[in-house]
Amino acid sequence: MSLVGILHHELWLDESHHWLLSRDSASFTELLQNTRYEGHPILWNLLLYLITRVSLDPLWMQVFHIILATATAHIFMRNAPFSWLFKILFVFGYFMIFEYNIISRNYILGVLFLILACSVFKKRTKKFVLLSCYLSVAANTHLIFCVAAFAMFLMLLVELIQTKQLFRRPSYLIGSSIFGVAIVVAILQIIPPHDTQFFERVKDIPLAEKFTKGFISLLKGLITIPDFSTLHFWNSNLLVNWSKSVAAVFGLLCYFIPLFLYKSRRTIFFVYFGLAGSQLFFFLTQMSASRYHGMAFILVIMGLWIDNFQKRKQHQETILSKITFLKNPIVYSILAIQFCTGIYAYILDYRYPFTSAKETAEYLQKNRLDRLEVISVTCDGTLISPYLRKKVWFLCDESYQSYCHWDFICSMNISKQAILEKISAHMHGLKNAVYVSTYPLTDMKTAQWIRINETIKIRFLKKFDRDIILRNSGFYIFEIAKI
């Protein structure tokens, strides 16, 4: 299913961006330099860097990604202490079949190593170093997984301190040292240089509004019902779209769900600490997408897993956990919803282009327009560069680029007239070029040549906009000729 899925999935901006970061870095040192503003540990880009030394076809990134996803599913199916129905619903649920599988990002690495950590949790006293290594790698995949890994390790540390075992075995100190170093390394990679523009977009957001960004993240992570009334379902939530007030109430109630599910105080501590860390992530970054909310769901599943192997004396039931008949209906309702929405999202991605990037590139190649100079505005060129296998002229950067520099000041304020002026200036040394961008230039009703000024003339060729992503994916193609 994964293989069929990626053969019908077109890369979106973030997928293309990280592929191009790795493809167009000539050395490991240059890769370090190019990724310093990313806010991510370098692990995913390093793996892609190795792939790009062998092939420039982004399909191999997708193949590698589904191998990781399939390995994760295998480890879960083989080791998780759940029923077969539970396992099947999880593996074919929204996050595992679609968000962390078909879409090639670094999140699957985090899920893989958190699942590996859970797989050895039962023997954590004997395999403490191995468990620490798994958590260390998970922490070095993404900031949100750093939070989950830290929460689990802190729970282990509390257990060792409470049982007075921390200094009784060298393996505990070795594992703790490994994880401590890993956290420091991850933080050093995540913190961007002082001149980053990442926080410019959030500095003026009111404090109260910043807190609301992650308030319903648990709801969105558990109840994955996108707004399927539109083709642009991705990163939407039907309940939130229907009524934000009702969603806020349900979002608050969702934070009581862990009290129904776990008997161990340590498990409850782990889950709520992880959820609190996620809130800090949303507060600082103001990022909001399904892939981030999925971490809350993974925390809940991890809690169900490790709760089976907590020591009995730590099982102190809360008032809610005593209502045992509600546990399975809650869990299986969540899994059933995610199974249905996961399969439906998979089908939509199979039937419709996720972005217009691939068919745009195929049109250029079929009509031999890719042999001309390809001009774009800025990061819209990032989407087509992997498929064209060459750099594109970015008007905002005034240079040949591929991956995005995440500086949207130019693109957000640029007008059609400014774009045409930049094209005219660039065409001094060219006879013909093709403009490919999400920014249109003229009326698209005619394919006739239109004289823009004394320097250039343009004509509209094609528009591609039948895709799932709502923004930064519909492409307009114009041919440009020097007069």
Protein backbone atom coordinates (compact mmCIF):
# COMPACT_ATOMS: atom_id res chain seq x y z
CA MET A 1 0.00 0.00 0.00
CA SER A 2 2.85 2.36 0.79
CA LEU A 3 4.54 1.73 -2.54
CA VAL A 4 1.34 2.34 -4.47
CA GLY A 5 0.75 5.41 -2.35
CA ILE A 6 4.09 7.11 -3.07
CA LEU A 7 3.79 6.38 -6.77
CA HIS A 8 0.66 8.54 -6.69
CA HIS A 9 1.91 11.18 -4.27
CA GLU A 10 3.43 14.45 -5.47
CA LEU A 11 5.98 16.17 -3.24
CA TRP A 12 4.91 19.29 -1.39
CA LEU A 13 7.12 22.19 -0.33
CA ASP A 14 8.72 20.71 2.81
CA GLU A 15 9.42 17.36 1.18
CA SER A 16 11.09 19.03 -1.80
CA HIS A 17 12.94 21.51 0.38
CA HIS A 18 14.78 18.92 2.46
CA TRP A 19 15.54 16.80 -0.58
CA LEU A 20 17.08 19.82 -2.32
CA LEU A 21 19.01 20.88 0.79
CA SER A 22 20.74 17.52 0.63
CA ARG A 23 20.97 17.31 -3.16
CA ASP A 24 22.59 20.71 -3.60
CA SER A 25 25.06 20.49 -0.73
CA ALA A 26 28.43 19.59 -2.22
CA SER A 27 29.87 18.29 1.05
CA PHE A 28 28.89 17.40 4.59
CA THR A 29 30.33 20.71 5.78
CA GLU A 30 28.18 22.58 3.28
CA LEU A 31 25.16 20.58 4.41
CA LEU A 32 25.77 21.72 7.99
CA GLN A 33 26.01 25.29 6.76
CA ASN A 34 22.84 25.06 4.66
CA THR A 35 20.74 23.55 7.45
CA ARG A 36 21.69 25.93 10.25
CA TYR A 37 18.43 27.92 9.90
CA GLU A 38 16.16 24.88 9.70
CA GLY A 39 15.40 24.40 13.40
CA HIS A 40 15.75 20.63 12.92
CA PRO A 41 18.49 18.17 13.85
CA ILE A 42 20.46 17.18 10.78
CA LEU A 43 19.79 13.41 10.91
CA TRP A 44 17.10 13.31 8.19
CA ASN A 45 19.06 15.60 5.89
CA LEU A 46 22.19 13.53 6.44
CA LEU A 47 20.38 10.37 5.34
CA LEU A 48 19.01 12.18 2.29
CA TYR A 49 22.49 13.51 1.56
CA LEU A 50 23.74 9.92 1.31
CA ILE A 51 20.87 9.00 -1.03
CA THR A 52 21.54 11.98 -3.30
CA ARG A 53 25.13 10.84 -3.76
CA VAL A 54 23.66 7.79 -5.54
CA SER A 55 20.61 9.21 -7.35
CA LEU A 56 19.00 12.60 -8.04
CA ASP A 57 15.54 11.06 -8.40
CA PRO A 58 13.39 12.10 -5.37
CA LEU A 59 11.47 8.84 -5.69
CA TRP A 60 14.32 7.18 -3.78
CA MET A 61 13.67 9.47 -0.84
CA GLN A 62 10.07 8.27 -0.88
CA VAL A 63 11.12 4.62 -1.15
CA PHE A 64 13.51 5.05 1.77
CA HIS A 65 10.75 6.70 3.77
CA ILE A 66 8.23 3.89 3.29
CA ILE A 67 10.94 1.34 4.20
CA LEU A 68 11.28 3.15 7.52
CA ALA A 69 7.49 3.27 7.91
CA THR A 70 7.15 -0.43 7.10
CA ALA A 71 9.89 -1.27 9.60
CA THR A 72 8.02 0.75 12.22
CA ALA A 73 4.78 -1.12 11.46
CA HIS A 74 6.60 -4.47 11.66
CA ILE A 75 8.16 -3.69 15.05
CA PHE A 76 4.81 -2.50 16.37
CA MET A 77 2.94 -5.57 15.10
CA ARG A 78 5.54 -7.91 16.52
CA ASN A 79 6.13 -6.35 19.95
CA ALA A 80 3.13 -4.23 21.00
CA PRO A 81 1.08 -5.86 23.81
CA PHE A 82 -2.24 -5.23 22.11
CA SER A 83 -4.88 -7.23 20.29
CA TRP A 84 -4.63 -7.86 16.56
CA LEU A 85 -7.58 -5.53 16.00
CA PHE A 86 -5.82 -2.75 17.92
CA LYS A 87 -2.61 -3.24 15.92
CA ILE A 88 -4.34 -3.27 12.55
CA LEU A 89 -6.37 -0.15 13.32
CA PHE A 90 -3.20 1.64 14.47
CA VAL A 91 -1.00 0.62 11.55
CA PHE A 92 -3.65 1.60 8.99
CA GLY A 93 -4.72 4.69 10.92
CA TYR A 94 -4.43 8.27 9.70
CA PHE A 95 -0.93 8.97 10.96
CA MET A 96 0.72 5.63 10.21
CA ILE A 97 -0.73 5.03 6.74
CA PHE A 98 -0.77 8.61 5.52
CA GLU A 99 0.83 11.44 7.51
CA TYR A 100 3.96 9.53 8.63
CA ASN A 101 4.12 7.21 5.65
CA ILE A 102 3.12 8.66 2.28
CA ILE A 103 4.47 12.13 3.11
CA SER A 104 8.28 11.90 3.28
CA ARG A 105 9.50 13.86 6.28
CA ASN A 106 11.71 13.28 9.32
CA TYR A 107 8.78 12.39 11.60
CA ILE A 108 8.88 8.69 10.79
CA LEU A 109 12.39 8.49 12.26
CA GLY A 110 11.04 9.81 15.55
CA VAL A 111 8.12 7.37 15.56
CA LEU A 112 10.41 4.46 14.67
CA PHE A 113 12.83 5.03 17.54
CA LEU A 114 10.08 5.76 20.07
CA ILE A 115 8.44 2.46 19.08
CA LEU A 116 11.82 0.75 19.43
CA ALA A 117 12.15 2.28 22.91
CA CYS A 118 8.74 0.89 23.85
CA SER A 119 9.72 -2.53 22.49
CA VAL A 120 12.50 -2.87 25.10
CA PHE A 121 10.67 -1.12 27.95
CA LYS A 122 9.66 -4.43 29.56
CA LYS A 123 13.37 -5.24 30.00
CA ARG A 124 14.42 -1.67 30.74
CA THR A 125 16.63 -2.61 33.68
CA LYS A 126 18.68 -5.01 31.56
CA LYS A 127 18.60 -2.96 28.35
CA PHE A 128 18.81 0.52 29.80
CA VAL A 129 21.69 1.58 27.55
CA LEU A 130 19.90 0.36 24.42
CA LEU A 131 16.68 2.10 25.48
CA SER A 132 18.65 5.30 26.10
CA CYS A 133 20.20 5.04 22.64
CA TYR A 134 16.78 4.68 21.03
CA LEU A 135 15.51 7.75 22.89
CA SER A 136 18.68 9.63 21.96
CA VAL A 137 18.11 9.06 18.25
CA ALA A 138 14.41 9.98 18.58
CA ALA A 139 15.41 13.24 20.26
CA ASN A 140 17.65 14.03 17.31
CA THR A 141 14.94 13.78 14.67
CA HIS A 142 12.68 16.74 15.51
CA LEU A 143 11.97 19.09 18.41
CA ILE A 144 8.53 17.58 19.04
CA PHE A 145 10.10 14.10 19.35
CA CYS A 146 12.79 15.54 21.58
CA VAL A 147 9.96 16.44 23.96
CA ALA A 148 8.52 12.90 23.91
CA ALA A 149 11.93 11.25 24.34
CA PHE A 150 12.77 13.56 27.24
CA ALA A 151 9.44 12.80 28.93
CA MET A 152 10.03 9.06 28.72
CA PHE A 153 13.63 9.29 29.92
CA LEU A 154 12.59 11.53 32.82
CA MET A 155 10.02 8.90 33.83
CA LEU A 156 12.77 6.25 33.78
CA LEU A 157 15.04 8.50 35.83
CA VAL A 158 12.32 9.09 38.42
CA GLU A 159 11.81 5.33 38.67
CA LEU A 160 15.52 4.73 39.26
CA ILE A 161 15.68 7.45 41.91
CA GLN A 162 12.56 6.23 43.71
CA THR A 163 13.85 2.64 43.78
CA LYS A 164 17.36 3.83 44.70
CA GLN A 165 18.84 1.98 41.72
CA LEU A 166 20.46 4.85 39.83
CA PHE A 167 23.99 4.31 41.16
CA ARG A 168 23.83 0.54 41.54
CA ARG A 169 24.58 -0.35 37.93
CA PRO A 170 27.12 1.26 35.59
CA SER A 171 24.65 0.83 32.73
CA TYR A 172 22.28 3.37 34.30
CA LEU A 173 24.96 6.04 34.42
CA ILE A 174 26.19 5.15 30.93
CA GLY A 175 22.67 5.34 29.49
CA SER A 176 21.99 8.62 31.31
CA SER A 177 25.23 10.11 29.98
CA ILE A 178 24.42 9.03 26.42
CA PHE A 179 20.96 10.60 26.58
CA GLY A 180 22.27 13.75 28.24
CA VAL A 181 24.82 14.26 25.47
CA ALA A 182 22.15 13.53 22.83
CA ILE A 183 19.83 16.19 24.25
CA VAL A 184 22.63 18.78 24.24
CA VAL A 185 23.54 17.87 20.65
CA ALA A 186 19.89 18.11 19.57
CA ILE A 187 19.41 21.51 21.21
CA LEU A 188 22.59 22.88 19.63
CA GLN A 189 21.25 21.84 16.21
CA ILE A 190 17.72 23.13 16.81
CA ILE A 191 18.64 26.62 18.03
CA PRO A 192 19.03 28.76 14.88
CA PRO A 193 21.57 31.59 14.45
CA HIS A 194 20.76 34.93 16.08
CA ASP A 195 19.84 36.52 12.74
CA THR A 196 17.05 34.02 12.00
CA GLN A 197 13.73 35.46 10.82
CA PHE A 198 11.70 32.51 12.10
CA PHE A 199 10.38 34.31 15.17
CA GLU A 200 9.60 37.53 13.32
CA ARG A 201 6.23 36.17 12.26
CA VAL A 202 5.15 35.35 15.84
CA LYS A 203 6.58 38.20 17.89
CA ASP A 204 3.48 40.40 17.51
CA ILE A 205 0.96 37.68 18.35
CA PRO A 206 -0.84 38.46 21.65
CA LEU A 207 0.15 36.27 24.59
CA ALA A 208 -3.35 34.87 25.07
CA GLU A 209 -3.56 33.91 21.41
CA LYS A 210 -0.22 32.11 21.63
CA PHE A 211 -1.60 29.82 24.31
CA THR A 212 -4.61 28.85 22.20
CA LYS A 213 -2.49 27.43 19.35
CA GLY A 214 -1.80 24.16 21.12
CA PHE A 215 -4.88 24.03 23.33
CA ILE A 216 -6.81 21.66 21.07
CA SER A 217 -3.75 19.77 19.81
CA LEU A 218 -4.77 16.67 21.77
CA LEU A 219 -8.25 16.80 20.22
CA LYS A 220 -6.75 17.12 16.73
CA GLY A 221 -4.30 14.31 17.46
CA LEU A 222 -6.97 11.89 18.66
CA ILE A 223 -10.03 12.82 16.59
CA THR A 224 -8.58 13.04 13.09
CA ILE A 225 -11.66 13.96 11.09
CA PRO A 226 -10.51 16.32 8.32
CA ASP A 227 -12.99 18.45 6.43
CA PHE A 228 -13.62 16.04 3.57
CA SER A 229 -16.29 18.31 2.11
CA THR A 230 -13.44 19.97 0.22
CA LEU A 231 -10.57 18.53 -1.77
CA HIS A 232 -8.23 20.65 0.37
CA PHE A 233 -8.75 18.43 3.42
CA TRP A 234 -5.15 18.31 4.56
CA ASN A 235 -4.42 19.90 7.98
CA SER A 236 -8.11 20.66 8.49
CA ASN A 237 -10.41 19.41 11.25
CA LEU A 238 -14.15 19.12 10.70
CA LEU A 239 -15.09 19.82 14.31
CA VAL A 240 -12.93 22.96 14.47
CA ASN A 241 -14.32 24.19 11.15
CA TRP A 242 -17.86 23.55 12.31
CA SER A 243 -17.59 25.33 15.68
CA LYS A 244 -14.47 26.56 17.42
CA SER A 245 -16.38 26.94 20.70
CA VAL A 246 -17.57 23.33 20.66
CA ALA A 247 -14.07 22.20 19.62
CA ALA A 248 -12.60 24.11 22.58
CA VAL A 249 -14.95 22.30 25.00
CA PHE A 250 -14.12 18.89 23.53
CA GLY A 251 -10.45 19.88 23.46
CA LEU A 252 -10.54 20.50 27.21
CA LEU A 253 -12.38 17.23 27.89
CA CYS A 254 -9.73 15.31 25.91
CA TYR A 255 -7.17 16.11 28.60
CA PHE A 256 -9.13 13.91 31.01
CA ILE A 257 -8.88 10.90 28.69
CA PRO A 258 -5.46 9.71 29.97
CA LEU A 259 -6.98 9.38 33.46
CA PHE A 260 -9.35 6.73 32.07
CA LEU A 261 -6.58 4.80 30.33
CA TYR A 262 -3.66 4.33 32.72
CA LYS A 263 -3.29 2.86 36.19
CA SER A 264 0.36 3.67 36.84
CA ARG A 265 1.21 7.07 38.27
CA ARG A 266 4.46 7.04 36.30
CA THR A 267 2.61 6.47 33.03
CA ILE A 268 0.25 9.33 33.78
CA PHE A 269 3.27 11.50 34.63
CA PHE A 270 4.93 10.56 31.33
CA VAL A 271 1.89 11.31 29.17
CA TYR A 272 0.99 14.61 30.82
CA PHE A 273 4.60 15.78 30.90
CA GLY A 274 4.86 15.00 27.19
CA LEU A 275 1.61 16.86 26.49
CA ALA A 276 2.86 19.85 28.51
CA GLY A 277 6.08 19.84 26.51
CA SER A 278 4.03 19.79 23.31
CA GLN A 279 2.15 22.87 24.54
CA LEU A 280 5.49 24.63 25.00
CA PHE A 281 6.41 23.65 21.43
CA PHE A 282 3.20 25.18 20.06
CA PHE A 283 3.63 28.29 22.21
CA LEU A 284 7.17 28.97 21.00
CA THR A 285 6.77 28.04 17.33
CA GLN A 286 3.07 28.79 16.72
CA MET A 287 3.15 25.91 14.25
CA SER A 288 -0.11 24.07 13.67
CA ALA A 289 -0.41 21.06 11.40
CA SER A 290 -1.64 17.47 11.64
CA ARG A 291 1.90 16.08 11.76
CA TYR A 292 2.56 17.99 15.01
CA HIS A 293 -0.74 17.03 16.61
CA GLY A 294 0.06 13.41 15.82
CA MET A 295 2.66 13.48 18.59
CA ALA A 296 -0.14 13.68 21.16
CA PHE A 297 -1.64 10.50 19.69
CA ILE A 298 1.74 8.74 19.74
CA LEU A 299 2.16 9.70 23.42
CA VAL A 300 -1.21 8.13 24.24
CA ILE A 301 -0.28 4.90 22.42
CA MET A 302 3.14 4.79 24.12
CA GLY A 303 1.40 5.24 27.47
CA LEU A 304 -0.90 2.28 26.79
CA TRP A 305 2.14 0.19 25.85
CA ILE A 306 4.39 0.94 28.82
CA ASP A 307 1.53 0.88 31.33
CA ASN A 308 1.41 -2.88 30.85
CA PHE A 309 4.95 -3.20 32.21
CA GLN A 310 4.95 -0.81 35.16
CA LYS A 311 5.52 -2.36 38.57
CA ARG A 312 2.30 -3.26 40.34
CA LYS A 313 2.98 -1.16 43.42
CA GLN A 314 2.98 1.88 41.16
CA HIS A 315 -0.54 1.09 40.01
CA GLN A 316 -2.65 3.51 42.01
CA GLU A 317 -5.97 3.89 40.28
CA THR A 318 -7.50 7.31 39.84
CA ILE A 319 -11.24 7.82 40.22
CA LEU A 320 -11.62 7.81 36.44
CA SER A 321 -9.40 4.76 35.83
CA LYS A 322 -11.70 2.72 38.07
CA ILE A 323 -14.41 3.11 35.43
CA THR A 324 -12.72 0.31 33.48
CA PHE A 325 -15.63 -0.38 31.13
CA LEU A 326 -14.96 2.96 29.39
CA LYS A 327 -11.31 2.28 28.51
CA ASN A 328 -11.80 0.01 25.50
CA PRO A 329 -14.70 2.03 23.97
CA ILE A 330 -12.59 5.20 24.19
CA VAL A 331 -9.46 3.59 22.74
CA TYR A 332 -11.15 1.67 19.95
CA SER A 333 -13.37 4.61 18.99
CA ILE A 334 -10.24 6.75 18.50
CA LEU A 335 -8.52 3.97 16.53
CA ALA A 336 -11.62 3.36 14.38
CA ILE A 337 -11.92 7.05 13.51
CA GLN A 338 -8.24 7.20 12.56
CA PHE A 339 -8.52 4.01 10.51
CA CYS A 340 -11.43 5.39 8.46
CA THR A 341 -9.89 8.82 7.94
CA GLY A 342 -6.49 7.32 7.17
CA ILE A 343 -7.84 5.11 4.40
CA TYR A 344 -9.96 7.94 3.02
CA ALA A 345 -7.01 10.36 2.98
CA TYR A 346 -4.95 7.68 1.24
CA ILE A 347 -7.67 7.26 -1.43
CA LEU A 348 -7.92 11.01 -2.05
CA ASP A 349 -4.15 11.30 -2.39
CA TYR A 350 -4.26 8.38 -4.83
CA ARG A 351 -7.01 9.95 -6.94
CA TYR A 352 -5.93 13.60 -6.92
CA PRO A 353 -2.55 15.35 -7.11
CA PHE A 354 -1.26 16.33 -3.69
CA THR A 355 0.44 19.27 -5.42
CA SER A 356 0.66 20.32 -9.06
CA ALA A 357 4.46 20.17 -9.03
CA LYS A 358 4.94 16.83 -10.76
CA GLU A 359 2.43 17.31 -13.58
CA THR A 360 3.78 20.82 -14.11
CA ALA A 361 7.30 19.45 -14.51
CA GLU A 362 6.03 16.69 -16.81
CA TYR A 363 4.32 19.29 -19.00
CA LEU A 364 7.57 21.27 -19.26
CA GLN A 365 9.52 18.13 -20.14
CA LYS A 366 6.96 16.89 -22.68
CA ASN A 367 7.03 20.23 -24.49
CA ARG A 368 10.79 20.59 -24.07
CA LEU A 369 10.32 23.79 -22.14
CA ASP A 370 12.58 22.49 -19.38
CA ARG A 371 15.51 23.11 -21.73
CA LEU A 372 14.85 26.83 -21.46
CA GLU A 373 15.71 29.02 -18.52
CA VAL A 374 13.12 28.27 -15.83
CA ILE A 375 12.12 31.33 -13.80
CA SER A 376 10.10 31.40 -10.60
CA VAL A 377 9.46 33.93 -7.84
CA THR A 378 10.94 32.17 -4.83
CA CYS A 379 10.03 28.98 -2.92
CA ASP A 380 7.42 28.04 -5.54
CA GLY A 381 10.43 27.00 -7.60
CA THR A 382 11.39 24.60 -4.80
CA LEU A 383 8.42 22.40 -5.65
CA ILE A 384 9.42 21.79 -9.28
CA SER A 385 13.22 21.69 -8.91
CA PRO A 386 13.36 18.02 -7.75
CA TYR A 387 11.38 16.87 -10.79
CA LEU A 388 13.34 19.04 -13.24
CA ARG A 389 16.59 17.95 -11.55
CA LYS A 390 18.09 21.39 -11.91
CA LYS A 391 18.13 24.75 -10.18
CA VAL A 392 15.62 27.47 -10.99
CA TRP A 393 16.13 31.23 -11.22
CA PHE A 394 14.49 32.77 -8.14
CA LEU A 395 13.46 36.36 -8.88
CA CYS A 396 13.41 37.35 -5.21
CA ASP A 397 16.91 35.98 -4.64
CA GLU A 398 18.15 37.07 -8.08
CA SER A 399 20.13 33.85 -8.35
CA TYR A 400 19.82 30.17 -9.25
CA GLN A 401 18.31 28.40 -6.25
CA SER A 402 16.44 25.26 -5.36
CA TYR A 403 15.68 24.89 -1.66
CA CYS A 404 13.73 27.57 0.17
CA HIS A 405 15.38 30.27 2.27
CA TRP A 406 12.14 30.86 4.23
CA ASP A 407 12.33 34.60 3.72
CA PHE A 408 8.84 35.51 2.52
CA ILE A 409 9.16 39.29 2.74
CA CYS A 410 9.73 39.61 -1.00
CA SER A 411 7.10 37.10 -2.11
CA MET A 412 4.42 38.44 0.25
CA ASN A 413 4.80 42.00 -0.98
CA ILE A 414 5.69 41.52 -4.63
CA SER A 415 3.25 42.77 -7.28
CA LYS A 416 2.71 41.60 -10.86
CA GLN A 417 4.42 44.72 -12.11
CA ALA A 418 7.44 44.07 -9.88
CA ILE A 419 7.64 40.48 -11.13
CA LEU A 420 7.56 41.64 -14.75
CA GLU A 421 10.26 44.21 -14.07
CA LYS A 422 12.49 41.57 -12.50
CA ILE A 423 11.86 39.25 -15.46
CA SER A 424 12.74 42.03 -17.91
CA ALA A 425 15.99 42.72 -16.08
CA HIS A 426 16.91 39.03 -16.09
CA MET A 427 16.08 38.57 -19.81
CA HIS A 428 18.90 40.90 -20.98
CA GLY A 429 21.14 37.92 -21.62
CA LEU A 430 18.45 35.50 -22.79
CA LYS A 431 16.29 35.01 -25.87
CA ASN A 432 13.64 32.72 -24.42
CA ALA A 433 12.60 31.50 -21.00
CA VAL A 434 9.66 29.91 -19.24
CA TYR A 435 8.04 31.38 -16.15
CA VAL A 436 6.63 28.78 -13.74
CA SER A 437 5.10 30.06 -10.54
CA THR A 438 2.10 30.21 -8.23
CA TYR A 439 1.97 33.92 -9.06
CA PRO A 440 0.10 34.66 -12.34
CA LEU A 441 1.34 37.40 -14.66
CA THR A 442 -1.55 38.36 -16.95
CA ASP A 443 -5.06 37.41 -17.99
CA MET A 444 -5.03 33.65 -18.63
CA LYS A 445 -7.92 33.68 -21.11
CA THR A 446 -5.69 34.10 -24.13
CA ALA A 447 -2.69 32.22 -25.40
CA GLN A 448 -1.65 35.08 -27.66
CA TRP A 449 1.63 36.88 -27.25
CA ILE A 450 1.29 40.02 -25.12
CA ARG A 451 3.87 42.76 -25.35
CA ILE A 452 4.81 43.80 -21.83
CA ASN A 453 7.34 46.52 -22.62
CA GLU A 454 10.09 47.25 -25.13
CA THR A 455 12.11 44.31 -23.78
CA ILE A 456 9.86 41.23 -23.49
CA LYS A 457 6.62 39.65 -24.55
CA ILE A 458 4.81 36.78 -22.83
CA ARG A 459 2.05 34.30 -23.51
CA PHE A 460 0.05 32.07 -21.21
CA LEU A 461 0.51 28.32 -21.77
CA LYS A 462 -1.03 26.26 -18.98
CA LYS A 463 -2.45 26.30 -15.48
CA PHE A 464 -2.34 23.40 -13.01
CA ASP A 465 -4.37 23.80 -9.83
CA ARG A 466 -6.34 20.59 -9.29
CA ASP A 467 -4.54 19.60 -6.14
CA ILE A 468 -5.12 18.82 -2.46
CA ILE A 469 -2.92 21.48 -0.92
CA LEU A 470 -4.73 24.78 -0.77
CA ARG A 471 -1.77 27.15 -1.16
CA ASN A 472 1.66 27.32 -2.82
CA SER A 473 0.92 24.51 -5.22
CA GLY A 474 -1.17 25.76 -8.18
CA PHE A 475 1.19 26.59 -11.05
CA TYR A 476 0.89 29.03 -13.96
CA ILE A 477 3.18 28.56 -16.95
CA PHE A 478 4.11 31.44 -19.24
CA GLU A 479 6.53 31.51 -22.13
CA ILE A 480 8.78 34.59 -22.27
CA ALA A 481 10.57 35.90 -25.35
CA LYS A 482 12.92 38.79 -25.75
CA ILE A 483 11.83 41.33 -28.35
